[in-house]
N, C-alpha and C. Protein backbone atom coordinates (compact mmCIF):
# COMPACT_ATOMS: atom_id res chain seq x y z
N MET A 1 11.68 -49.90 11.87
CA MET A 1 12.43 -48.69 11.53
C MET A 1 13.35 -48.35 12.70
N GLY A 2 14.63 -48.20 12.41
CA GLY A 2 15.61 -47.89 13.45
C GLY A 2 15.65 -46.41 13.77
N LEU A 3 16.39 -46.09 14.80
CA LEU A 3 16.51 -44.69 15.21
C LEU A 3 17.18 -43.84 14.13
N ASP A 4 18.13 -44.41 13.43
CA ASP A 4 18.78 -43.64 12.36
C ASP A 4 17.80 -43.28 11.25
N ASP A 5 16.88 -44.21 10.91
CA ASP A 5 15.85 -43.93 9.90
C ASP A 5 14.90 -42.85 10.40
N GLU A 6 14.53 -42.95 11.67
CA GLU A 6 13.62 -41.95 12.25
C GLU A 6 14.29 -40.58 12.25
N LEU A 7 15.57 -40.54 12.56
CA LEU A 7 16.32 -39.29 12.55
C LEU A 7 16.33 -38.69 11.15
N PHE A 8 16.56 -39.51 10.14
CA PHE A 8 16.55 -39.04 8.75
C PHE A 8 15.18 -38.46 8.40
N ASN A 9 14.11 -39.16 8.77
CA ASN A 9 12.75 -38.68 8.46
C ASN A 9 12.45 -37.35 9.14
N MET A 10 12.92 -37.21 10.37
CA MET A 10 12.66 -35.95 11.09
C MET A 10 13.41 -34.79 10.43
N LYS A 11 14.65 -35.02 10.05
CA LYS A 11 15.41 -33.96 9.39
C LYS A 11 14.78 -33.60 8.04
N PHE A 12 14.31 -34.59 7.32
CA PHE A 12 13.64 -34.36 6.04
C PHE A 12 12.37 -33.54 6.25
N THR A 13 11.58 -33.90 7.26
CA THR A 13 10.34 -33.18 7.57
C THR A 13 10.64 -31.73 7.92
N ALA A 14 11.68 -31.49 8.71
CA ALA A 14 12.05 -30.12 9.09
C ALA A 14 12.38 -29.31 7.84
N LYS A 15 13.09 -29.90 6.89
CA LYS A 15 13.42 -29.19 5.65
C LYS A 15 12.17 -28.90 4.83
N GLN A 16 11.24 -29.86 4.77
CA GLN A 16 10.00 -29.66 4.02
C GLN A 16 9.17 -28.52 4.64
N LEU A 17 9.11 -28.49 5.96
CA LEU A 17 8.37 -27.42 6.64
C LEU A 17 9.02 -26.06 6.36
N SER A 18 10.31 -26.03 6.33
CA SER A 18 11.03 -24.79 6.03
C SER A 18 10.76 -24.34 4.59
N LYS A 19 10.72 -25.28 3.65
CA LYS A 19 10.40 -24.94 2.26
C LYS A 19 9.00 -24.37 2.14
N GLU A 20 8.06 -24.97 2.87
CA GLU A 20 6.68 -24.48 2.84
C GLU A 20 6.61 -23.06 3.39
N ALA A 21 7.39 -22.78 4.42
CA ALA A 21 7.44 -21.42 4.99
C ALA A 21 7.93 -20.43 3.94
N LYS A 22 8.92 -20.82 3.15
CA LYS A 22 9.45 -19.93 2.11
C LYS A 22 8.40 -19.67 1.03
N LYS A 23 7.61 -20.69 0.68
CA LYS A 23 6.54 -20.49 -0.30
C LYS A 23 5.54 -19.46 0.22
N LEU A 24 5.21 -19.58 1.50
CA LEU A 24 4.25 -18.65 2.09
C LEU A 24 4.83 -17.23 2.15
N GLU A 25 6.13 -17.11 2.35
CA GLU A 25 6.78 -15.79 2.31
C GLU A 25 6.61 -15.14 0.95
N LYS A 26 6.69 -15.95 -0.12
CA LYS A 26 6.49 -15.41 -1.48
C LYS A 26 5.05 -14.91 -1.63
N GLU A 27 4.10 -15.66 -1.09
CA GLU A 27 2.69 -15.23 -1.15
C GLU A 27 2.51 -13.92 -0.39
N GLU A 28 3.21 -13.79 0.75
CA GLU A 28 3.14 -12.56 1.54
C GLU A 28 3.64 -11.38 0.71
N LYS A 29 4.74 -11.58 -0.02
CA LYS A 29 5.29 -10.50 -0.84
C LYS A 29 4.32 -10.08 -1.94
N LYS A 30 3.62 -11.06 -2.53
CA LYS A 30 2.61 -10.73 -3.55
C LYS A 30 1.50 -9.87 -2.92
N ALA A 31 1.08 -10.26 -1.73
CA ALA A 31 0.02 -9.51 -1.05
C ALA A 31 0.50 -8.10 -0.71
N LEU A 32 1.76 -7.95 -0.34
CA LEU A 32 2.30 -6.61 -0.04
C LEU A 32 2.28 -5.72 -1.28
N LYS A 33 2.57 -6.30 -2.44
CA LYS A 33 2.49 -5.53 -3.68
C LYS A 33 1.05 -5.10 -3.95
N ALA A 34 0.11 -6.00 -3.63
CA ALA A 34 -1.30 -5.66 -3.82
C ALA A 34 -1.71 -4.55 -2.86
N VAL A 35 -1.13 -4.53 -1.64
CA VAL A 35 -1.41 -3.43 -0.70
C VAL A 35 -0.95 -2.10 -1.30
N ALA A 36 0.27 -2.10 -1.84
CA ALA A 36 0.81 -0.88 -2.45
C ALA A 36 -0.09 -0.40 -3.59
N LEU A 37 -0.55 -1.32 -4.42
CA LEU A 37 -1.42 -0.95 -5.55
C LEU A 37 -2.74 -0.37 -5.04
N ALA A 38 -3.30 -0.99 -3.99
CA ALA A 38 -4.56 -0.49 -3.43
C ALA A 38 -4.37 0.90 -2.84
N ILE A 39 -3.23 1.14 -2.21
CA ILE A 39 -2.97 2.47 -1.65
C ILE A 39 -2.88 3.49 -2.78
N LYS A 40 -2.18 3.16 -3.87
CA LYS A 40 -2.08 4.06 -5.02
C LYS A 40 -3.44 4.42 -5.58
N GLN A 41 -4.36 3.44 -5.54
CA GLN A 41 -5.70 3.64 -6.07
C GLN A 41 -6.66 4.21 -5.03
N SER A 42 -6.13 4.57 -3.85
CA SER A 42 -6.95 5.08 -2.73
C SER A 42 -8.07 4.10 -2.37
N ASN A 43 -7.79 2.84 -2.47
CA ASN A 43 -8.76 1.77 -2.17
C ASN A 43 -8.51 1.28 -0.75
N ALA A 44 -9.16 1.93 0.23
CA ALA A 44 -8.94 1.61 1.64
C ALA A 44 -9.32 0.17 1.95
N GLU A 45 -10.47 -0.27 1.47
CA GLU A 45 -10.93 -1.63 1.76
C GLU A 45 -9.99 -2.66 1.15
N GLY A 46 -9.59 -2.42 -0.08
CA GLY A 46 -8.66 -3.35 -0.75
C GLY A 46 -7.33 -3.41 -0.02
N ALA A 47 -6.82 -2.26 0.44
CA ALA A 47 -5.55 -2.23 1.16
C ALA A 47 -5.65 -3.04 2.45
N LYS A 48 -6.77 -2.88 3.15
CA LYS A 48 -6.96 -3.63 4.40
C LYS A 48 -7.07 -5.13 4.14
N ILE A 49 -7.80 -5.49 3.11
CA ILE A 49 -7.96 -6.92 2.78
C ILE A 49 -6.61 -7.53 2.41
N HIS A 50 -5.86 -6.84 1.55
CA HIS A 50 -4.56 -7.37 1.13
C HIS A 50 -3.56 -7.37 2.29
N ALA A 51 -3.62 -6.36 3.16
CA ALA A 51 -2.74 -6.33 4.34
C ALA A 51 -3.08 -7.48 5.27
N ASP A 52 -4.39 -7.73 5.45
CA ASP A 52 -4.81 -8.86 6.28
C ASP A 52 -4.32 -10.18 5.68
N THR A 53 -4.41 -10.30 4.37
CA THR A 53 -3.93 -11.51 3.68
C THR A 53 -2.43 -11.66 3.86
N ALA A 54 -1.69 -10.56 3.72
CA ALA A 54 -0.23 -10.61 3.89
C ALA A 54 0.14 -11.05 5.30
N ILE A 55 -0.58 -10.53 6.27
CA ILE A 55 -0.32 -10.91 7.66
C ILE A 55 -0.65 -12.38 7.88
N ARG A 56 -1.75 -12.83 7.28
CA ARG A 56 -2.12 -14.25 7.42
C ARG A 56 -1.04 -15.14 6.82
N TRP A 57 -0.52 -14.77 5.62
CA TRP A 57 0.56 -15.55 5.01
C TRP A 57 1.80 -15.53 5.91
N LYS A 58 2.09 -14.36 6.46
CA LYS A 58 3.27 -14.24 7.33
C LYS A 58 3.10 -15.12 8.57
N ASN A 59 1.92 -15.06 9.21
CA ASN A 59 1.68 -15.86 10.41
C ASN A 59 1.77 -17.36 10.10
N GLN A 60 1.21 -17.78 8.96
CA GLN A 60 1.30 -19.19 8.59
C GLN A 60 2.75 -19.57 8.32
N SER A 61 3.48 -18.68 7.68
CA SER A 61 4.90 -18.94 7.43
C SER A 61 5.64 -19.10 8.75
N MET A 62 5.35 -18.23 9.70
CA MET A 62 5.99 -18.31 11.01
C MET A 62 5.62 -19.61 11.72
N GLN A 63 4.36 -20.05 11.57
CA GLN A 63 3.95 -21.32 12.18
C GLN A 63 4.74 -22.48 11.59
N PHE A 64 4.93 -22.46 10.26
CA PHE A 64 5.72 -23.51 9.63
C PHE A 64 7.17 -23.46 10.10
N LEU A 65 7.71 -22.24 10.23
CA LEU A 65 9.09 -22.11 10.72
C LEU A 65 9.22 -22.60 12.15
N ARG A 66 8.23 -22.25 13.00
CA ARG A 66 8.28 -22.72 14.39
C ARG A 66 8.20 -24.24 14.45
N MET A 67 7.30 -24.82 13.63
CA MET A 67 7.18 -26.27 13.63
C MET A 67 8.46 -26.91 13.10
N SER A 68 9.05 -26.30 12.08
CA SER A 68 10.32 -26.80 11.55
C SER A 68 11.38 -26.78 12.65
N SER A 69 11.41 -25.69 13.41
CA SER A 69 12.38 -25.59 14.50
C SER A 69 12.14 -26.65 15.57
N ARG A 70 10.87 -26.87 15.88
CA ARG A 70 10.56 -27.89 16.89
C ARG A 70 10.97 -29.28 16.42
N VAL A 71 10.66 -29.60 15.15
CA VAL A 71 11.03 -30.91 14.62
C VAL A 71 12.56 -31.03 14.59
N GLU A 72 13.21 -29.95 14.18
CA GLU A 72 14.67 -29.97 14.13
C GLU A 72 15.26 -30.14 15.54
N ALA A 73 14.67 -29.47 16.53
CA ALA A 73 15.15 -29.59 17.90
C ALA A 73 14.98 -31.02 18.41
N ILE A 74 13.83 -31.61 18.10
CA ILE A 74 13.60 -32.99 18.53
C ILE A 74 14.56 -33.93 17.81
N SER A 75 14.82 -33.66 16.53
CA SER A 75 15.76 -34.50 15.80
C SER A 75 17.16 -34.38 16.41
N LYS A 76 17.51 -33.17 16.88
CA LYS A 76 18.80 -32.99 17.55
C LYS A 76 18.85 -33.77 18.85
N ARG A 77 17.73 -33.79 19.58
CA ARG A 77 17.68 -34.58 20.81
C ARG A 77 17.82 -36.07 20.50
N LEU A 78 17.15 -36.50 19.43
CA LEU A 78 17.26 -37.90 19.04
C LEU A 78 18.69 -38.21 18.63
N GLU A 79 19.28 -37.30 17.85
CA GLU A 79 20.66 -37.49 17.43
C GLU A 79 21.58 -37.55 18.66
N MET A 80 21.28 -36.71 19.65
CA MET A 80 22.08 -36.72 20.86
C MET A 80 21.92 -38.04 21.61
N ALA A 81 20.68 -38.56 21.63
CA ALA A 81 20.44 -39.85 22.30
C ALA A 81 21.21 -40.97 21.59
N ILE A 82 21.20 -40.92 20.25
CA ILE A 82 21.96 -41.91 19.49
C ILE A 82 23.44 -41.78 19.83
N ARG A 83 23.92 -40.54 19.86
CA ARG A 83 25.33 -40.32 20.21
C ARG A 83 25.63 -40.78 21.63
N MET A 84 24.68 -40.48 22.54
CA MET A 84 24.90 -40.88 23.94
C MET A 84 25.04 -42.39 24.04
N ASN A 85 24.23 -43.10 23.26
CA ASN A 85 24.34 -44.56 23.25
C ASN A 85 25.71 -44.96 22.74
N GLN A 86 26.16 -44.28 21.67
CA GLN A 86 27.49 -44.55 21.15
C GLN A 86 28.56 -44.13 22.15
N VAL A 87 28.30 -42.97 22.82
CA VAL A 87 29.26 -42.49 23.81
C VAL A 87 29.35 -43.47 24.96
N SER A 88 28.18 -43.97 25.42
CA SER A 88 28.23 -44.90 26.55
C SER A 88 28.97 -46.18 26.18
N LYS A 89 28.83 -46.62 24.91
CA LYS A 89 29.59 -47.79 24.47
C LYS A 89 31.07 -47.47 24.44
N SER A 90 31.41 -46.29 23.91
CA SER A 90 32.83 -45.94 23.83
C SER A 90 33.38 -45.60 25.21
N MET A 91 32.51 -45.13 26.12
CA MET A 91 32.96 -44.83 27.48
C MET A 91 33.48 -46.09 28.17
N GLY A 92 32.85 -47.21 27.86
CA GLY A 92 33.32 -48.46 28.45
C GLY A 92 34.76 -48.74 28.05
N SER A 93 35.05 -48.58 26.77
CA SER A 93 36.43 -48.84 26.32
C SER A 93 37.38 -47.76 26.82
N VAL A 94 36.89 -46.49 26.90
CA VAL A 94 37.73 -45.41 27.44
C VAL A 94 38.02 -45.67 28.91
N ALA A 95 37.01 -46.12 29.66
CA ALA A 95 37.20 -46.40 31.09
C ALA A 95 38.21 -47.52 31.29
N LYS A 96 38.12 -48.56 30.45
CA LYS A 96 39.09 -49.66 30.55
C LYS A 96 40.50 -49.16 30.25
N ALA A 97 40.62 -48.34 29.19
CA ALA A 97 41.94 -47.80 28.83
C ALA A 97 42.47 -46.90 29.94
N MET A 98 41.57 -46.13 30.56
CA MET A 98 41.98 -45.23 31.62
C MET A 98 42.44 -46.04 32.85
N LYS A 99 41.71 -47.11 33.14
CA LYS A 99 42.07 -47.94 34.29
C LYS A 99 43.48 -48.51 34.11
N SER A 100 43.74 -49.01 32.90
CA SER A 100 45.08 -49.57 32.67
C SER A 100 46.15 -48.49 32.68
N SER A 101 45.85 -47.29 32.14
CA SER A 101 46.85 -46.23 32.12
C SER A 101 47.08 -45.67 33.52
N LEU A 102 46.01 -45.59 34.33
CA LEU A 102 46.17 -45.12 35.71
C LEU A 102 47.02 -46.11 36.52
N GLY A 103 46.85 -47.39 36.20
CA GLY A 103 47.63 -48.42 36.91
C GLY A 103 49.12 -48.30 36.65
N THR A 104 49.48 -47.85 35.44
CA THR A 104 50.90 -47.73 35.10
C THR A 104 51.46 -46.38 35.49
N MET A 105 50.58 -45.40 35.74
CA MET A 105 50.97 -44.03 36.04
C MET A 105 51.78 -43.40 34.91
N ASN A 106 51.50 -43.84 33.66
CA ASN A 106 52.16 -43.29 32.47
C ASN A 106 51.37 -42.04 32.06
N LEU A 107 51.98 -40.90 32.21
CA LEU A 107 51.28 -39.64 31.94
C LEU A 107 50.81 -39.52 30.49
N GLU A 108 51.56 -40.03 29.55
CA GLU A 108 51.17 -39.96 28.14
C GLU A 108 49.90 -40.77 27.89
N LYS A 109 49.85 -41.97 28.45
CA LYS A 109 48.65 -42.82 28.29
C LYS A 109 47.45 -42.21 28.99
N ILE A 110 47.68 -41.64 30.18
CA ILE A 110 46.58 -41.01 30.92
C ILE A 110 46.05 -39.81 30.14
N GLY A 111 46.96 -39.01 29.58
CA GLY A 111 46.56 -37.84 28.78
C GLY A 111 45.75 -38.24 27.56
N THR A 112 46.17 -39.30 26.87
CA THR A 112 45.45 -39.77 25.68
C THR A 112 44.05 -40.25 26.08
N SER A 113 43.95 -40.97 27.18
CA SER A 113 42.64 -41.46 27.66
C SER A 113 41.73 -40.30 28.02
N MET A 114 42.30 -39.29 28.70
CA MET A 114 41.50 -38.14 29.09
C MET A 114 41.03 -37.35 27.87
N ASP A 115 41.88 -37.23 26.85
CA ASP A 115 41.48 -36.55 25.62
C ASP A 115 40.29 -37.24 24.97
N ALA A 116 40.33 -38.56 24.89
CA ALA A 116 39.22 -39.33 24.31
C ALA A 116 37.95 -39.14 25.12
N PHE A 117 38.09 -39.14 26.44
CA PHE A 117 36.95 -38.96 27.33
C PHE A 117 36.32 -37.58 27.14
N GLU A 118 37.15 -36.53 27.10
CA GLU A 118 36.66 -35.16 26.93
C GLU A 118 36.02 -34.94 25.57
N LYS A 119 36.57 -35.53 24.52
CA LYS A 119 36.01 -35.38 23.18
C LYS A 119 34.60 -35.95 23.11
N ALA A 120 34.39 -37.10 23.73
CA ALA A 120 33.07 -37.71 23.74
C ALA A 120 32.05 -36.78 24.39
N PHE A 121 32.42 -36.13 25.49
CA PHE A 121 31.50 -35.22 26.15
C PHE A 121 31.34 -33.90 25.41
N ASP A 122 32.38 -33.41 24.74
CA ASP A 122 32.27 -32.18 23.95
C ASP A 122 31.24 -32.33 22.84
N ASP A 123 31.22 -33.48 22.18
CA ASP A 123 30.25 -33.73 21.11
C ASP A 123 28.83 -33.64 21.65
N VAL A 124 28.60 -34.19 22.83
CA VAL A 124 27.27 -34.15 23.44
C VAL A 124 26.92 -32.71 23.84
N ASN A 125 27.87 -31.96 24.39
CA ASN A 125 27.60 -30.58 24.82
C ASN A 125 27.28 -29.67 23.64
N VAL A 126 27.94 -29.86 22.50
CA VAL A 126 27.66 -29.06 21.32
C VAL A 126 26.23 -29.31 20.87
N SER A 127 25.79 -30.55 20.85
CA SER A 127 24.42 -30.88 20.45
C SER A 127 23.42 -30.25 21.42
N SER A 128 23.69 -30.30 22.70
CA SER A 128 22.78 -29.73 23.70
C SER A 128 22.65 -28.22 23.52
N ALA A 129 23.78 -27.55 23.29
CA ALA A 129 23.75 -26.09 23.11
C ALA A 129 22.96 -25.72 21.86
N TYR A 130 23.07 -26.50 20.78
CA TYR A 130 22.35 -26.23 19.55
C TYR A 130 20.85 -26.36 19.77
N VAL A 131 20.43 -27.39 20.50
CA VAL A 131 19.00 -27.58 20.80
C VAL A 131 18.47 -26.40 21.59
N GLU A 132 19.21 -25.95 22.59
CA GLU A 132 18.76 -24.81 23.40
C GLU A 132 18.63 -23.55 22.56
N ASP A 133 19.57 -23.31 21.64
CA ASP A 133 19.49 -22.13 20.77
C ASP A 133 18.25 -22.17 19.90
N ILE A 134 17.92 -23.34 19.37
CA ILE A 134 16.73 -23.47 18.53
C ILE A 134 15.47 -23.18 19.34
N MET A 135 15.39 -23.73 20.52
CA MET A 135 14.19 -23.54 21.35
C MET A 135 14.04 -22.07 21.77
N ASP A 136 15.15 -21.39 22.03
CA ASP A 136 15.08 -19.98 22.43
C ASP A 136 14.70 -19.08 21.27
N GLY A 137 14.92 -19.54 20.03
CA GLY A 137 14.70 -18.70 18.86
C GLY A 137 13.26 -18.58 18.40
N GLN A 138 12.32 -19.20 19.10
CA GLN A 138 10.93 -19.14 18.65
C GLN A 138 10.32 -17.78 18.98
N THR A 139 9.44 -17.28 18.09
CA THR A 139 8.87 -15.95 18.26
C THR A 139 7.37 -16.00 18.52
N ALA A 140 6.81 -14.91 19.03
CA ALA A 140 5.38 -14.84 19.33
C ALA A 140 4.67 -13.98 18.28
N ALA A 141 3.36 -14.17 18.17
CA ALA A 141 2.57 -13.43 17.17
C ALA A 141 2.16 -12.06 17.73
N MET A 142 1.83 -11.12 16.82
CA MET A 142 1.43 -9.77 17.21
C MET A 142 -0.09 -9.62 17.07
N ALA A 143 -0.61 -8.50 17.60
CA ALA A 143 -2.03 -8.21 17.50
C ALA A 143 -2.40 -7.84 16.07
N PRO A 144 -3.39 -8.48 15.47
CA PRO A 144 -3.70 -8.28 14.05
C PRO A 144 -4.07 -6.85 13.62
N GLN A 145 -4.94 -6.14 14.33
CA GLN A 145 -5.41 -4.84 13.85
C GLN A 145 -4.27 -3.83 13.78
N SER A 146 -3.51 -3.74 14.83
CA SER A 146 -2.40 -2.79 14.82
C SER A 146 -1.36 -3.22 13.79
N GLU A 147 -1.23 -4.52 13.60
CA GLU A 147 -0.29 -5.04 12.62
C GLU A 147 -0.73 -4.68 11.20
N VAL A 148 -2.03 -4.73 10.94
CA VAL A 148 -2.56 -4.36 9.62
C VAL A 148 -2.23 -2.91 9.32
N GLU A 149 -2.53 -2.02 10.26
CA GLU A 149 -2.29 -0.60 10.04
C GLU A 149 -0.79 -0.30 9.91
N SER A 150 0.00 -0.96 10.74
CA SER A 150 1.45 -0.78 10.68
C SER A 150 2.00 -1.24 9.34
N LEU A 151 1.49 -2.35 8.85
CA LEU A 151 1.94 -2.88 7.56
C LEU A 151 1.55 -1.93 6.43
N ILE A 152 0.34 -1.42 6.45
CA ILE A 152 -0.10 -0.47 5.42
C ILE A 152 0.81 0.76 5.44
N GLN A 153 1.11 1.28 6.63
CA GLN A 153 1.98 2.45 6.74
C GLN A 153 3.37 2.14 6.20
N ARG A 154 3.90 0.95 6.53
CA ARG A 154 5.25 0.57 6.07
C ARG A 154 5.30 0.46 4.55
N VAL A 155 4.27 -0.18 3.96
CA VAL A 155 4.23 -0.32 2.50
C VAL A 155 4.13 1.06 1.85
N ALA A 156 3.33 1.93 2.44
CA ALA A 156 3.18 3.28 1.89
C ALA A 156 4.52 4.02 1.96
N ASP A 157 5.21 3.91 3.08
CA ASP A 157 6.51 4.57 3.23
C ASP A 157 7.53 4.01 2.24
N GLU A 158 7.56 2.69 2.10
CA GLU A 158 8.53 2.06 1.19
C GLU A 158 8.30 2.45 -0.26
N ASN A 159 7.04 2.71 -0.60
CA ASN A 159 6.70 3.04 -1.98
C ASN A 159 6.43 4.53 -2.18
N ASP A 160 6.75 5.34 -1.16
CA ASP A 160 6.60 6.79 -1.23
C ASP A 160 5.16 7.18 -1.62
N LEU A 161 4.20 6.58 -0.88
CA LEU A 161 2.78 6.81 -1.16
C LEU A 161 2.12 7.55 0.01
N GLU A 162 1.09 8.31 -0.31
CA GLU A 162 0.29 8.99 0.71
C GLU A 162 -0.74 7.99 1.22
N VAL A 163 -0.80 7.81 2.52
CA VAL A 163 -1.64 6.76 3.11
C VAL A 163 -2.92 7.30 3.73
N ARG A 164 -3.10 8.62 3.77
CA ARG A 164 -4.27 9.20 4.45
C ARG A 164 -5.59 8.78 3.83
N ALA A 165 -5.62 8.51 2.54
CA ALA A 165 -6.87 8.07 1.90
C ALA A 165 -7.27 6.69 2.38
N VAL A 166 -6.29 5.90 2.77
CA VAL A 166 -6.54 4.53 3.20
C VAL A 166 -6.67 4.45 4.72
N LEU A 167 -5.83 5.20 5.43
CA LEU A 167 -5.88 5.26 6.89
C LEU A 167 -6.08 6.71 7.31
N PRO A 168 -7.33 7.14 7.48
CA PRO A 168 -7.61 8.55 7.78
C PRO A 168 -6.91 9.07 9.04
N ASP A 169 -6.64 8.21 10.01
CA ASP A 169 -6.02 8.65 11.25
C ASP A 169 -4.50 8.76 11.15
N ALA A 170 -3.95 8.40 10.00
CA ALA A 170 -2.49 8.44 9.84
C ALA A 170 -2.00 9.88 9.77
N ALA A 171 -0.79 10.09 10.26
CA ALA A 171 -0.19 11.42 10.21
C ALA A 171 0.11 11.77 8.76
N PRO A 172 -0.09 13.03 8.38
CA PRO A 172 0.20 13.40 6.99
C PRO A 172 1.69 13.24 6.68
N ARG A 173 1.95 12.83 5.48
CA ARG A 173 3.33 12.61 5.04
C ARG A 173 3.97 13.97 4.79
N GLU A 174 5.14 14.15 5.38
CA GLU A 174 5.83 15.43 5.23
C GLU A 174 6.82 15.31 4.08
N LEU A 175 6.63 16.14 3.08
CA LEU A 175 7.53 16.13 1.93
C LEU A 175 8.80 16.88 2.28
N PRO A 176 9.93 16.52 1.70
CA PRO A 176 11.20 17.18 2.04
C PRO A 176 11.18 18.69 1.85
N GLU A 177 10.57 19.17 0.74
CA GLU A 177 10.55 20.62 0.52
C GLU A 177 9.61 21.30 1.50
N GLN A 178 8.55 20.58 1.92
CA GLN A 178 7.63 21.12 2.90
C GLN A 178 8.36 21.28 4.24
N ALA A 179 9.15 20.31 4.61
CA ALA A 179 9.90 20.36 5.86
C ALA A 179 10.91 21.49 5.83
N SER A 180 11.60 21.68 4.69
CA SER A 180 12.61 22.74 4.61
C SER A 180 11.94 24.11 4.63
N SER A 181 10.76 24.26 4.00
CA SER A 181 10.09 25.57 4.02
C SER A 181 9.60 25.89 5.43
N GLU A 182 9.18 24.88 6.18
CA GLU A 182 8.77 25.10 7.57
C GLU A 182 9.97 25.52 8.40
N ALA A 183 11.11 24.90 8.15
CA ALA A 183 12.34 25.26 8.87
C ALA A 183 12.75 26.69 8.53
N ASP A 184 12.59 27.09 7.24
CA ASP A 184 12.91 28.46 6.84
C ASP A 184 12.00 29.46 7.55
N ASP A 185 10.69 29.12 7.64
CA ASP A 185 9.75 29.99 8.33
C ASP A 185 10.14 30.17 9.80
N ILE A 186 10.54 29.10 10.43
CA ILE A 186 10.94 29.17 11.84
C ILE A 186 12.18 30.05 11.99
N GLU A 187 13.14 29.88 11.08
CA GLU A 187 14.36 30.72 11.11
C GLU A 187 14.02 32.19 10.94
N LYS A 188 13.08 32.50 10.02
CA LYS A 188 12.68 33.90 9.80
C LYS A 188 12.04 34.48 11.05
N ARG A 189 11.17 33.67 11.71
CA ARG A 189 10.51 34.15 12.91
C ARG A 189 11.51 34.38 14.04
N LEU A 190 12.49 33.46 14.16
CA LEU A 190 13.53 33.63 15.18
C LEU A 190 14.35 34.89 14.92
N ALA A 191 14.68 35.11 13.65
CA ALA A 191 15.46 36.30 13.26
C ALA A 191 14.68 37.58 13.60
N ALA A 192 13.36 37.54 13.35
CA ALA A 192 12.53 38.70 13.64
C ALA A 192 12.47 38.95 15.14
N LEU A 193 12.41 37.90 15.94
CA LEU A 193 12.36 38.05 17.40
C LEU A 193 13.68 38.59 17.94
N ARG A 194 14.79 38.16 17.33
CA ARG A 194 16.11 38.62 17.80
C ARG A 194 16.34 40.09 17.43
N GLY A 195 15.82 40.45 16.27
CA GLY A 195 16.10 41.80 15.75
C GLY A 195 15.21 42.81 16.30
């Protein structure tokens, strides 16, 4: 198996890992809907179980994405090595052309040789920058317990649900009319103090 075949296999594997991550994201969304349903039913245990499941799907999805990124980064390095081999072969011909153009001191020939030389290195630099971006883009996991509670709160907020039955320590949800009546009370008290 040649390097080109290995490169193809690595790119294919990276795509497969990415597809698997997307499947797991769908499972996470199903679990989030189950969290919302459990909150509606004031089922604290069910909400925690489904939130834990959603987090597990998310973490597995992230692992697949990270592995996909690593495989893709390695495939980029392999691709760069293949290019470098091609570049080193073409560098020989560029160097010969440059030697002959330098000997004649023909500025047009020297410029053409330099353009070819710079293009070969630009291709390698673009690949290197892409690999670095992929490696920098990897993320770290969060603490599960706080993540579970945070997720339950987020699902409750997104679905306009009261979460206190599921998370007793959660702050009570302030309804818009409740907030405006509190503001009115404060205004009345201020007016009384001024008057």
